[in-house]
Amino acid sequence: MRPVVMADLFCAGRAVLVVASGSRAQRARALVRNACVADRFRDSSGVRHAQFGDGTLAAAARGAGMIAEPTKCSPDFAKALILVLQVLVEHGSDN
């Protein structure tokens, strides 16, 4: 996965909110996994992965589908961001 920036977190949080609350951790893990797959594909082929994008978390989130950009940080969005950050920590991302 490419280095994580703030836009990646916001996109991933929006993608996590697409699914029911009980499936959000699984969705966050899938986004990170897909970004890693895409980054390896990009490194080896020189082109974007057709489904998962360019190896960024934001591209993986866009490919998975996202809610509309929130106008404020609601409690649900804050929880989604925390969940994404927890998954990144578990993954060992220090980017």
N, C-alpha and C. Protein backbone atom coordinates (compact mmCIF):
# COMPACT_ATOMS: atom_id res chain seq x y z
N MET A 1 0.85 -1.17 0.00
CA MET A 1 0.00 0.00 0.00
C MET A 1 0.89 1.23 0.00
N ARG A 2 0.47 2.22 -0.74
CA ARG A 2 1.22 3.48 -0.79
C ARG A 2 1.08 4.21 0.54
N PRO A 3 1.96 5.17 0.81
CA PRO A 3 1.86 5.90 2.08
C PRO A 3 0.47 6.53 2.26
N VAL A 4 -0.01 6.45 3.48
CA VAL A 4 -1.36 6.92 3.80
C VAL A 4 -1.32 8.41 4.14
N VAL A 5 -2.20 9.17 3.49
CA VAL A 5 -2.36 10.60 3.77
C VAL A 5 -3.80 10.83 4.24
N MET A 6 -4.08 12.04 4.66
CA MET A 6 -5.41 12.33 5.23
C MET A 6 -6.55 12.03 4.26
N ALA A 7 -6.37 12.32 2.99
CA ALA A 7 -7.44 12.04 2.01
C ALA A 7 -7.76 10.55 1.98
N ASP A 8 -6.75 9.70 2.15
CA ASP A 8 -6.98 8.26 2.21
C ASP A 8 -7.90 7.90 3.37
N LEU A 9 -7.64 8.49 4.52
CA LEU A 9 -8.46 8.20 5.70
C LEU A 9 -9.90 8.62 5.50
N PHE A 10 -10.10 9.81 4.95
CA PHE A 10 -11.47 10.29 4.74
C PHE A 10 -12.21 9.41 3.74
N CYS A 11 -11.56 9.03 2.66
CA CYS A 11 -12.20 8.16 1.67
C CYS A 11 -12.51 6.80 2.26
N ALA A 12 -11.57 6.24 3.01
CA ALA A 12 -11.80 4.94 3.63
C ALA A 12 -12.94 5.01 4.64
N GLY A 13 -12.99 6.07 5.41
CA GLY A 13 -14.11 6.24 6.36
C GLY A 13 -15.44 6.29 5.64
N ARG A 14 -15.48 6.99 4.52
CA ARG A 14 -16.71 7.06 3.73
C ARG A 14 -17.09 5.70 3.15
N ALA A 15 -16.09 4.91 2.76
CA ALA A 15 -16.37 3.58 2.21
C ALA A 15 -16.84 2.62 3.30
N VAL A 16 -16.32 2.78 4.50
CA VAL A 16 -16.73 1.93 5.62
C VAL A 16 -18.20 2.18 5.96
N LEU A 17 -18.66 3.40 5.85
CA LEU A 17 -20.04 3.73 6.21
C LEU A 17 -21.08 3.22 5.22
N VAL A 18 -20.63 2.71 4.08
CA VAL A 18 -21.58 2.15 3.10
C VAL A 18 -22.24 0.89 3.64
N VAL A 19 -21.52 0.13 4.45
CA VAL A 19 -22.02 -1.16 4.92
C VAL A 19 -22.61 -1.05 6.32
N ALA A 20 -23.36 -2.06 6.72
CA ALA A 20 -23.97 -2.11 8.05
C ALA A 20 -22.89 -2.11 9.13
N SER A 21 -23.23 -1.61 10.30
CA SER A 21 -22.24 -1.45 11.36
C SER A 21 -21.52 -2.76 11.71
N GLY A 22 -22.20 -3.88 11.63
CA GLY A 22 -21.57 -5.16 11.95
C GLY A 22 -20.56 -5.62 10.93
N SER A 23 -20.56 -5.02 9.75
CA SER A 23 -19.63 -5.41 8.68
C SER A 23 -18.52 -4.40 8.45
N ARG A 24 -18.47 -3.37 9.25
CA ARG A 24 -17.53 -2.28 8.99
C ARG A 24 -16.07 -2.66 9.22
N ALA A 25 -15.79 -3.46 10.23
CA ALA A 25 -14.40 -3.87 10.46
C ALA A 25 -13.91 -4.72 9.29
N GLN A 26 -14.75 -5.60 8.83
CA GLN A 26 -14.39 -6.44 7.69
C GLN A 26 -14.15 -5.58 6.46
N ARG A 27 -14.99 -4.57 6.26
CA ARG A 27 -14.84 -3.67 5.11
C ARG A 27 -13.52 -2.90 5.19
N ALA A 28 -13.19 -2.40 6.39
CA ALA A 28 -11.94 -1.66 6.56
C ALA A 28 -10.74 -2.55 6.27
N ARG A 29 -10.76 -3.78 6.75
CA ARG A 29 -9.66 -4.71 6.47
C ARG A 29 -9.55 -5.00 4.98
N ALA A 30 -10.70 -5.15 4.32
CA ALA A 30 -10.70 -5.42 2.88
C ALA A 30 -10.12 -4.24 2.10
N LEU A 31 -10.41 -3.02 2.51
CA LEU A 31 -9.86 -1.85 1.83
C LEU A 31 -8.34 -1.82 1.91
N VAL A 32 -7.81 -2.10 3.08
CA VAL A 32 -6.35 -2.11 3.25
C VAL A 32 -5.76 -3.25 2.42
N ARG A 33 -6.35 -4.42 2.49
CA ARG A 33 -5.87 -5.56 1.70
C ARG A 33 -5.89 -5.25 0.20
N ASN A 34 -6.98 -4.64 -0.26
CA ASN A 34 -7.09 -4.32 -1.68
C ASN A 34 -6.09 -3.26 -2.12
N ALA A 35 -5.83 -2.29 -1.25
CA ALA A 35 -4.82 -1.28 -1.57
C ALA A 35 -3.44 -1.93 -1.69
N CYS A 36 -3.16 -2.91 -0.84
CA CYS A 36 -1.88 -3.62 -0.92
C CYS A 36 -1.78 -4.43 -2.21
N VAL A 37 -2.86 -5.10 -2.58
CA VAL A 37 -2.88 -5.86 -3.83
C VAL A 37 -2.62 -4.92 -5.01
N ALA A 38 -3.31 -3.80 -5.01
CA ALA A 38 -3.17 -2.83 -6.11
C ALA A 38 -1.76 -2.27 -6.18
N ASP A 39 -1.15 -2.00 -5.04
CA ASP A 39 0.20 -1.44 -5.04
C ASP A 39 1.20 -2.45 -5.58
N ARG A 40 1.07 -3.71 -5.18
CA ARG A 40 1.96 -4.75 -5.72
C ARG A 40 1.77 -4.90 -7.23
N PHE A 41 0.51 -4.83 -7.67
CA PHE A 41 0.21 -4.94 -9.10
C PHE A 41 0.84 -3.77 -9.86
N ARG A 42 0.70 -2.57 -9.32
CA ARG A 42 1.26 -1.37 -9.94
C ARG A 42 2.78 -1.46 -10.01
N ASP A 43 3.39 -1.94 -8.92
CA ASP A 43 4.85 -2.09 -8.92
C ASP A 43 5.33 -3.07 -9.99
N SER A 44 4.60 -4.16 -10.16
CA SER A 44 5.06 -5.19 -11.09
C SER A 44 4.68 -4.90 -12.54
N SER A 45 3.56 -4.22 -12.77
CA SER A 45 3.07 -4.02 -14.14
C SER A 45 3.26 -2.60 -14.66
N GLY A 46 3.35 -1.65 -13.73
CA GLY A 46 3.46 -0.25 -14.14
C GLY A 46 2.14 0.42 -14.43
N VAL A 47 1.04 -0.29 -14.22
CA VAL A 47 -0.29 0.29 -14.45
C VAL A 47 -1.18 0.04 -13.24
N ARG A 48 -2.27 0.80 -13.19
CA ARG A 48 -3.25 0.66 -12.11
C ARG A 48 -3.92 -0.70 -12.15
N HIS A 49 -4.31 -1.18 -10.99
CA HIS A 49 -5.14 -2.38 -10.92
C HIS A 49 -6.55 -1.96 -11.36
N ALA A 50 -7.17 -2.77 -12.21
CA ALA A 50 -8.47 -2.40 -12.79
C ALA A 50 -9.55 -2.19 -11.74
N GLN A 51 -9.54 -2.96 -10.67
CA GLN A 51 -10.60 -2.85 -9.66
C GLN A 51 -10.18 -2.03 -8.45
N PHE A 52 -8.92 -2.17 -8.00
CA PHE A 52 -8.50 -1.59 -6.73
C PHE A 52 -7.70 -0.30 -6.86
N GLY A 53 -7.35 0.09 -8.09
CA GLY A 53 -6.72 1.39 -8.29
C GLY A 53 -5.20 1.37 -8.26
N ASP A 54 -4.63 2.47 -7.76
CA ASP A 54 -3.19 2.71 -7.86
C ASP A 54 -2.38 2.33 -6.62
N GLY A 55 -3.00 1.68 -5.68
CA GLY A 55 -2.29 1.29 -4.47
C GLY A 55 -2.53 2.20 -3.29
N THR A 56 -3.30 3.26 -3.49
CA THR A 56 -3.64 4.12 -2.36
C THR A 56 -4.91 3.60 -1.70
N LEU A 57 -5.05 3.91 -0.44
CA LEU A 57 -6.26 3.54 0.29
C LEU A 57 -7.47 4.27 -0.30
N ALA A 58 -7.28 5.50 -0.73
CA ALA A 58 -8.37 6.27 -1.33
C ALA A 58 -8.88 5.61 -2.61
N ALA A 59 -7.97 5.13 -3.44
CA ALA A 59 -8.38 4.47 -4.69
C ALA A 59 -9.14 3.18 -4.39
N ALA A 60 -8.69 2.43 -3.40
CA ALA A 60 -9.40 1.21 -3.01
C ALA A 60 -10.80 1.56 -2.50
N ALA A 61 -10.91 2.65 -1.76
CA ALA A 61 -12.21 3.08 -1.24
C ALA A 61 -13.14 3.51 -2.37
N ARG A 62 -12.60 4.26 -3.32
CA ARG A 62 -13.42 4.68 -4.47
C ARG A 62 -13.93 3.48 -5.24
N GLY A 63 -13.08 2.48 -5.40
CA GLY A 63 -13.49 1.27 -6.12
C GLY A 63 -14.55 0.48 -5.38
N ALA A 64 -14.56 0.58 -4.06
CA ALA A 64 -15.53 -0.16 -3.25
C ALA A 64 -16.85 0.57 -3.11
N GLY A 65 -16.84 1.88 -3.33
CA GLY A 65 -18.04 2.69 -3.15
C GLY A 65 -17.99 3.45 -1.83
N MET A 66 -18.40 4.69 -1.87
CA MET A 66 -18.35 5.56 -0.70
C MET A 66 -19.67 6.32 -0.55
N ILE A 67 -19.96 6.71 0.68
CA ILE A 67 -21.10 7.60 0.90
C ILE A 67 -20.70 8.99 0.39
N ALA A 68 -21.68 9.86 0.25
CA ALA A 68 -21.39 11.25 -0.13
C ALA A 68 -20.51 11.88 0.94
N GLU A 69 -19.72 12.86 0.53
CA GLU A 69 -18.83 13.52 1.47
C GLU A 69 -19.63 14.16 2.59
N PRO A 70 -19.33 13.81 3.84
CA PRO A 70 -20.09 14.39 4.95
C PRO A 70 -19.81 15.88 5.11
N THR A 71 -20.81 16.62 5.53
CA THR A 71 -20.64 18.06 5.75
C THR A 71 -20.05 18.34 7.13
N LYS A 72 -20.13 17.35 8.02
CA LYS A 72 -19.56 17.47 9.36
C LYS A 72 -19.10 16.09 9.81
N CYS A 73 -18.33 16.06 10.85
CA CYS A 73 -17.83 14.80 11.37
C CYS A 73 -18.83 14.28 12.40
N SER A 74 -19.78 13.51 11.92
CA SER A 74 -20.80 12.93 12.81
C SER A 74 -20.16 11.85 13.67
N PRO A 75 -20.84 11.43 14.73
CA PRO A 75 -20.30 10.33 15.54
C PRO A 75 -20.04 9.06 14.72
N ASP A 76 -20.92 8.73 13.78
CA ASP A 76 -20.70 7.54 12.95
C ASP A 76 -19.46 7.69 12.08
N PHE A 77 -19.26 8.87 11.50
CA PHE A 77 -18.07 9.08 10.66
C PHE A 77 -16.81 9.03 11.52
N ALA A 78 -16.86 9.61 12.70
CA ALA A 78 -15.70 9.57 13.60
C ALA A 78 -15.36 8.12 13.96
N LYS A 79 -16.37 7.32 14.24
CA LYS A 79 -16.14 5.90 14.55
C LYS A 79 -15.55 5.17 13.35
N ALA A 80 -16.01 5.51 12.15
CA ALA A 80 -15.47 4.88 10.94
C ALA A 80 -14.00 5.24 10.77
N LEU A 81 -13.64 6.49 11.01
CA LEU A 81 -12.24 6.91 10.92
C LEU A 81 -11.38 6.18 11.95
N ILE A 82 -11.89 6.06 13.16
CA ILE A 82 -11.16 5.34 14.21
C ILE A 82 -10.96 3.89 13.79
N LEU A 83 -11.98 3.28 13.24
CA LEU A 83 -11.89 1.89 12.79
C LEU A 83 -10.82 1.73 11.71
N VAL A 84 -10.80 2.64 10.75
CA VAL A 84 -9.79 2.59 9.69
C VAL A 84 -8.40 2.73 10.30
N LEU A 85 -8.23 3.65 11.23
CA LEU A 85 -6.93 3.84 11.87
C LEU A 85 -6.51 2.59 12.65
N GLN A 86 -7.45 1.95 13.33
CA GLN A 86 -7.14 0.73 14.06
C GLN A 86 -6.66 -0.37 13.11
N VAL A 87 -7.32 -0.50 11.97
CA VAL A 87 -6.93 -1.51 10.99
C VAL A 87 -5.54 -1.20 10.45
N LEU A 88 -5.25 0.07 10.20
CA LEU A 88 -3.92 0.44 9.72
C LEU A 88 -2.85 0.11 10.75
N VAL A 89 -3.14 0.35 12.01
CA VAL A 89 -2.19 0.01 13.08
C VAL A 89 -1.98 -1.50 13.13
N GLU A 90 -3.06 -2.26 13.05
CA GLU A 90 -2.95 -3.72 13.05
C GLU A 90 -2.16 -4.22 11.85
N HIS A 91 -2.33 -3.55 10.73
CA HIS A 91 -1.63 -3.92 9.49
C HIS A 91 -0.14 -3.60 9.59
N GLY A 92 0.20 -2.69 10.48
CA GLY A 92 1.60 -2.32 10.62
C GLY A 92 2.00 -1.15 9.78
N SER A 93 1.01 -0.38 9.31
CA SER A 93 1.30 0.78 8.48
C SER A 93 1.86 1.89 9.34
N ASP A 94 3.06 2.32 8.99
CA ASP A 94 3.65 3.46 9.70
C ASP A 94 3.77 4.64 8.76
N ASN A 95 2.92 4.65 7.73
CA ASN A 95 2.96 5.72 6.72
C ASN A 95 2.15 6.89 7.13
